[in-house]
N, C-alpha and C. Protein backbone atom coordinates (compact mmCIF):
# COMPACT_ATOMS: atom_id res chain seq x y z
N MET A 1 -11.99 7.10 -2.02
CA MET A 1 -11.84 6.72 -0.84
C MET A 1 -11.93 8.55 -0.30
N ALA A 2 -12.10 8.81 0.97
CA ALA A 2 -12.14 10.11 1.63
C ALA A 2 -10.63 10.07 1.66
N ARG A 3 -10.33 11.65 2.07
CA ARG A 3 -9.13 12.12 2.38
C ARG A 3 -8.48 11.22 3.27
N GLY A 4 -9.40 10.78 4.56
CA GLY A 4 -8.62 10.75 5.99
C GLY A 4 -8.21 9.14 5.82
N THR A 5 -9.33 8.92 4.90
CA THR A 5 -9.62 7.12 4.89
C THR A 5 -8.10 6.62 4.48
N GLN A 6 -7.74 6.96 3.22
CA GLN A 6 -6.71 6.47 2.66
C GLN A 6 -5.42 6.48 3.40
N ARG A 7 -5.45 7.64 4.13
CA ARG A 7 -3.93 7.87 5.26
C ARG A 7 -4.31 6.81 6.24
N GLN A 8 -5.35 6.79 7.17
CA GLN A 8 -5.27 5.62 7.70
C GLN A 8 -5.04 4.00 7.14
N GLU A 9 -5.42 3.95 5.94
CA GLU A 9 -5.35 2.41 5.36
C GLU A 9 -3.96 2.19 5.15
N LEU A 10 -3.31 3.45 4.81
CA LEU A 10 -1.68 3.38 4.61
C LEU A 10 -1.19 3.23 5.61
N GLN A 11 -1.51 3.77 6.88
CA GLN A 11 -0.75 3.99 8.51
C GLN A 11 -0.88 2.36 8.76
N ARG A 12 -2.52 1.98 8.50
CA ARG A 12 -2.36 0.44 8.94
C ARG A 12 -1.37 -0.33 8.37
N TRP A 13 -1.10 -0.31 7.10
CA TRP A 13 0.18 -1.05 6.46
C TRP A 13 1.78 -0.76 6.85
N ILE A 14 1.71 0.53 7.41
CA ILE A 14 2.85 0.62 8.25
C ILE A 14 2.90 -0.03 9.22
N ASP A 15 2.23 -0.09 10.16
CA ASP A 15 1.73 -0.52 11.56
C ASP A 15 1.98 -2.34 11.21
N ALA A 16 1.16 -2.57 10.44
CA ALA A 16 1.28 -4.32 9.93
C ALA A 16 2.97 -4.15 9.49
N ARG A 17 3.37 -3.77 9.10
CA ARG A 17 5.06 -3.66 8.56
C ARG A 17 6.27 -4.11 10.04
N LYS A 18 5.81 -3.36 10.84
CA LYS A 18 6.40 -3.52 11.86
C LYS A 18 5.94 -4.41 12.61
N ARG A 19 4.81 -4.60 13.12
CA ARG A 19 4.32 -5.73 13.94
C ARG A 19 4.69 -6.86 13.76
N PHE A 20 4.65 -7.19 12.26
CA PHE A 20 4.89 -8.79 11.48
C PHE A 20 6.23 -8.75 10.79
N HIS A 21 7.05 -7.81 11.44
CA HIS A 21 8.33 -7.69 10.98
C HIS A 21 8.36 -8.23 9.26
N LEU A 22 7.35 -7.55 8.56
CA LEU A 22 7.74 -7.82 6.96
C LEU A 22 8.75 -6.54 6.28
N SER A 23 9.10 -7.10 4.91
CA SER A 23 9.91 -5.86 4.20
C SER A 23 8.83 -5.27 3.44
N HIS A 24 9.46 -4.06 2.79
CA HIS A 24 8.54 -3.64 1.92
C HIS A 24 7.93 -4.03 0.84
N ALA A 25 9.18 -5.04 0.32
CA ALA A 25 8.62 -5.86 -0.81
C ALA A 25 7.22 -6.60 -0.60
N GLN A 26 7.47 -7.26 0.92
CA GLN A 26 5.98 -8.24 1.24
C GLN A 26 5.24 -7.36 1.71
N ILE A 27 5.16 -6.17 1.83
CA ILE A 27 3.95 -5.36 2.18
C ILE A 27 3.45 -5.52 0.77
N GLN A 28 4.10 -4.51 -0.20
CA GLN A 28 3.94 -4.35 -1.65
C GLN A 28 2.88 -5.79 -2.00
N MET A 29 3.49 -6.96 -1.95
CA MET A 29 2.74 -8.34 -2.20
C MET A 29 1.41 -8.56 -1.90
N ALA A 30 1.68 -8.51 -0.39
CA ALA A 30 0.44 -8.24 0.16
C ALA A 30 -0.85 -7.56 -0.16
N ARG A 31 -0.39 -6.25 -0.55
CA ARG A 31 -1.21 -5.04 -1.21
C ARG A 31 -1.83 -5.59 -2.58
N GLU A 32 -0.79 -5.85 -3.10
CA GLU A 32 -1.36 -6.34 -4.69
C GLU A 32 -1.99 -7.56 -4.58
N LEU A 33 -2.09 -8.27 -3.38
CA LEU A 33 -2.77 -10.06 -3.47
C LEU A 33 -4.10 -9.42 -2.80
N GLY A 34 -4.44 -8.29 -2.63
CA GLY A 34 -5.63 -7.83 -1.71
C GLY A 34 -5.52 -7.91 -0.51
N MET A 35 -4.77 -8.27 0.35
CA MET A 35 -4.86 -8.68 2.10
C MET A 35 -5.60 -7.43 2.40
N ASN A 36 -5.84 -7.99 3.65
CA ASN A 36 -6.34 -6.73 4.66
C ASN A 36 -5.50 -6.89 5.61
N PRO A 37 -5.03 -5.38 6.04
CA PRO A 37 -3.74 -5.39 7.33
C PRO A 37 -4.46 -5.53 8.44
N ARG A 38 -5.65 -5.43 8.41
CA ARG A 38 -6.24 -6.00 9.94
C ARG A 38 -6.25 -7.49 10.03
N LYS A 39 -6.54 -8.25 9.06
CA LYS A 39 -6.71 -9.36 9.26
C LYS A 39 -5.19 -10.43 9.13
N LEU A 40 -4.29 -9.63 9.12
CA LEU A 40 -2.67 -10.42 8.95
C LEU A 40 -2.54 -11.12 10.25
N GLY A 41 -3.31 -10.95 11.60
CA GLY A 41 -3.05 -11.42 12.64
C GLY A 41 -3.41 -12.92 12.50
N GLY A 42 -5.03 -13.27 11.72
CA GLY A 42 -5.08 -14.38 11.66
C GLY A 42 -4.24 -15.18 10.67
N LEU A 43 -3.48 -14.58 9.70
CA LEU A 43 -2.78 -15.42 9.19
C LEU A 43 -1.32 -15.92 9.82
N ALA A 44 -0.72 -14.89 10.45
CA ALA A 44 0.38 -15.04 11.13
C ALA A 44 0.66 -15.71 12.63
N ASN A 45 -0.51 -16.67 12.80
CA ASN A 45 0.13 -17.37 14.12
C ASN A 45 0.49 -18.71 14.10
N HIS A 46 1.29 -18.86 13.48
CA HIS A 46 2.02 -20.00 13.11
C HIS A 46 2.91 -20.56 14.33
N GLU A 47 2.66 -19.96 15.25
CA GLU A 47 3.44 -20.43 16.48
C GLU A 47 2.05 -21.33 17.16
N GLN A 48 0.73 -20.86 17.04
CA GLN A 48 -0.27 -21.48 17.71
C GLN A 48 -0.66 -22.62 16.81
N GLU A 49 -0.54 -22.76 15.35
CA GLU A 49 -1.17 -23.84 14.52
C GLU A 49 0.23 -24.03 13.80
N PRO A 50 1.09 -25.10 13.90
CA PRO A 50 2.36 -25.17 13.33
C PRO A 50 2.19 -25.51 12.05
N TRP A 51 1.16 -25.89 11.57
CA TRP A 51 1.23 -26.44 10.00
C TRP A 51 1.20 -24.99 9.45
N LYS A 52 0.89 -23.84 9.95
CA LYS A 52 0.76 -22.92 9.40
C LYS A 52 2.26 -22.17 8.99
N ALA A 53 2.55 -21.84 7.39
CA ALA A 53 3.82 -21.30 7.29
C ALA A 53 3.88 -19.76 7.77
N PRO A 54 5.11 -19.26 8.27
CA PRO A 54 4.94 -17.40 8.90
C PRO A 54 4.72 -16.42 7.68
N LEU A 55 3.98 -15.76 8.28
CA LEU A 55 3.56 -14.71 7.05
C LEU A 55 4.29 -14.25 6.40
N PRO A 56 5.56 -14.11 6.44
CA PRO A 56 6.58 -13.67 5.22
C PRO A 56 6.42 -14.73 4.49
N ILE A 57 6.80 -16.00 4.93
CA ILE A 57 6.99 -16.72 3.77
C ILE A 57 5.52 -17.25 3.11
N PHE A 58 4.59 -17.26 3.78
CA PHE A 58 2.98 -17.33 3.30
C PHE A 58 3.02 -16.40 1.82
N ILE A 59 3.48 -15.00 2.27
CA ILE A 59 3.01 -14.41 1.21
C ILE A 59 4.17 -14.51 -0.01
N GLU A 60 5.26 -14.62 0.40
CA GLU A 60 6.11 -15.04 -0.85
C GLU A 60 5.89 -16.01 -1.40
N ARG A 61 4.89 -16.92 -0.94
CA ARG A 61 4.85 -18.44 -1.73
C ARG A 61 3.39 -18.19 -2.67
N ILE A 62 2.86 -17.36 -2.20
CA ILE A 62 1.33 -17.21 -2.82
C ILE A 62 1.41 -16.13 -3.89
N TYR A 63 2.39 -15.41 -4.05
CA TYR A 63 2.27 -13.89 -4.83
C TYR A 63 3.00 -14.92 -6.12
N PRO A 64 3.75 -15.49 -6.24
CA PRO A 64 4.08 -16.12 -8.06
C PRO A 64 2.94 -17.06 -8.29
N LYS A 65 2.20 -17.66 -7.26
CA LYS A 65 1.21 -18.40 -7.88
C LYS A 65 0.18 -17.11 -8.56
N ARG A 66 -0.12 -16.05 -8.35
CA ARG A 66 -1.05 -15.57 -8.58
C ARG A 66 -0.87 -14.75 -9.69
N PHE A 67 0.55 -14.19 -9.63
CA PHE A 67 1.26 -13.17 -10.57
C PHE A 67 2.41 -13.75 -11.73
N GLY A 68 2.56 -14.89 -11.33
CA GLY A 68 3.59 -15.60 -12.30
C GLY A 68 4.96 -14.92 -12.22
N LYS A 69 5.47 -14.23 -11.14
CA LYS A 69 6.95 -13.68 -10.75
C LYS A 69 6.81 -13.61 -9.29
N ALA A 70 8.32 -13.60 -9.02
CA ALA A 70 8.90 -13.83 -7.76
C ALA A 70 8.36 -12.92 -7.04
N LYS A 71 8.56 -11.52 -7.49
CA LYS A 71 8.02 -10.09 -6.91
C LYS A 71 8.15 -9.08 -7.73
N PRO A 72 7.05 -8.23 -7.03
CA PRO A 72 6.87 -7.08 -7.93
C PRO A 72 8.20 -6.39 -8.94
N ASP A 73 7.80 -5.57 -10.13
CA ASP A 73 8.75 -5.24 -10.75
C ASP A 73 9.34 -4.14 -10.44
N ARG A 74 8.65 -3.44 -9.21
CA ARG A 74 9.41 -2.08 -8.87
C ARG A 74 8.68 -2.15 -7.58
N ILE A 75 9.58 -2.42 -6.76
CA ILE A 75 9.29 -2.11 -4.83
C ILE A 75 9.10 -0.68 -4.74
N VAL A 76 8.16 -0.26 -3.91
CA VAL A 76 8.13 1.23 -3.53
C VAL A 76 7.85 0.89 -2.01
N SER A 77 8.25 1.72 -1.11
CA SER A 77 7.94 1.51 0.41
C SER A 77 6.47 2.24 0.55
N ILE A 78 6.12 2.39 1.18
CA ILE A 78 4.69 3.06 1.76
C ILE A 78 4.93 4.61 1.83
N GLU A 79 5.95 4.78 2.43
CA GLU A 79 6.33 6.29 2.73
C GLU A 79 6.58 6.89 1.57
N ASP A 80 7.69 6.42 0.54
CA ASP A 80 7.71 6.74 -0.79
C ASP A 80 6.69 6.67 -1.73
N ARG A 81 5.48 5.88 -1.29
CA ARG A 81 4.16 5.78 -2.12
C ARG A 81 3.43 6.85 -1.67
N VAL A 82 3.63 7.17 -0.28
CA VAL A 82 2.25 8.29 0.11
C VAL A 82 3.01 9.68 -0.79
N ARG A 83 4.67 9.82 -0.58
CA ARG A 83 5.09 11.06 -1.30
C ARG A 83 5.14 11.09 -2.71
N GLU A 84 4.82 10.09 -3.59
CA GLU A 84 4.64 10.05 -5.04
C GLU A 84 3.16 10.54 -5.10
N ILE A 85 2.16 9.99 -4.31
CA ILE A 85 0.97 10.55 -4.48
C ILE A 85 0.81 11.81 -3.95
N ALA A 86 1.38 12.51 -3.24
CA ALA A 86 1.20 13.95 -2.69
C ALA A 86 1.81 14.55 -3.94
N ALA A 87 3.00 14.31 -4.43
CA ALA A 87 3.72 15.06 -5.62
C ALA A 87 2.48 15.09 -7.16
N LYS A 88 1.96 13.72 -7.12
CA LYS A 88 1.13 13.99 -8.42
C LYS A 88 -0.33 14.93 -8.00
N LYS A 89 -0.67 14.59 -7.01
CA LYS A 89 -2.01 15.80 -6.14
C LYS A 89 -1.21 16.92 -6.58
N ALA A 90 -0.16 17.49 -5.99
CA ALA A 90 0.17 19.11 -6.31
C ALA A 90 0.16 19.02 -7.70
N LYS A 91 0.88 18.49 -8.63
CA LYS A 91 1.10 18.88 -9.68
C LYS A 91 -0.30 18.75 -10.66
N ARG A 92 -1.25 18.02 -10.08
CA ARG A 92 -2.80 18.07 -10.57
C ARG A 92 -3.18 19.38 -10.35
N ARG A 93 -3.19 19.99 -9.01
CA ARG A 93 -3.64 21.05 -8.57
C ARG A 93 -3.08 22.21 -9.65
N GLU A 94 -1.80 22.19 -9.59
CA GLU A 94 -1.34 23.27 -10.28
C GLU A 94 -1.52 23.35 -12.06
N ARG A 95 -2.04 22.45 -12.20
CA ARG A 95 -2.16 22.11 -13.91
C ARG A 95 -3.27 22.85 -13.92
N ARG A 96 -4.38 22.36 -12.65
CA ARG A 96 -5.82 22.81 -12.78
C ARG A 96 -6.23 24.15 -12.63
N ALA A 97 -4.90 24.91 -11.81
CA ALA A 97 -4.96 26.45 -11.21
C ALA A 97 -4.66 27.06 -12.60
N SER A 98 -3.70 26.87 -13.42
CA SER A 98 -3.01 27.31 -14.54
C SER A 98 -4.02 27.44 -15.62
N ALA A 99 -5.09 26.50 -15.40
CA ALA A 99 -5.99 26.32 -16.69
C ALA A 99 -7.23 27.12 -16.44
N VAL A 100 -7.61 27.20 -15.26
CA VAL A 100 -8.87 27.99 -14.96
C VAL A 100 -8.47 29.40 -15.40
N PRO A 101 -9.32 30.41 -16.05
CA PRO A 101 -9.09 31.60 -15.97
C PRO A 101 -9.30 32.59 -14.42
N GLN A 102 -8.12 33.42 -14.39
CA GLN A 102 -8.37 34.12 -13.01
C GLN A 102 -9.07 34.92 -12.75
N GLY A 103 -9.49 35.85 -13.77
CA GLY A 103 -10.14 37.05 -13.62
C GLY A 103 -11.59 36.65 -14.53
N LYS A 104 -12.86 36.78 -13.68
CA LYS A 104 -14.22 36.74 -14.01
C LYS A 104 -15.05 37.99 -14.23
N GLY A 105 -15.10 38.01 -15.50
CA GLY A 105 -15.62 39.83 -15.52
C GLY A 105 -17.17 39.46 -15.55
N GLY A 106 -17.38 40.53 -15.05
CA GLY A 106 -18.97 40.72 -14.61
C GLY A 106 -19.77 41.18 -15.90
N ILE A 107 -21.03 41.39 -15.85
CA ILE A 107 -21.92 41.43 -16.60
C ILE A 107 -22.05 43.02 -17.12
């Protein structure tokens, strides 16, 4: 993914969490299930189509079917995940900078 694209995608998940009143665990489950945050509106129209379950319940029902457990082992909010990714990138940059020789000798 391009640099800005990953931020946009994570921002879409944050917006979806607020719009559909989902918890951090439900957002993580939806991401692991491969759901698209832009398509959640079609799944969340239980008021128009009474046979559909509300989105949070729908996510919680299909997650165990796919993964065989009720919830993820480690629940991390999107904001915390962004911080983890940034720290990992900074550590990698620091490691690369220390591995590259500083002075390039001429011929």
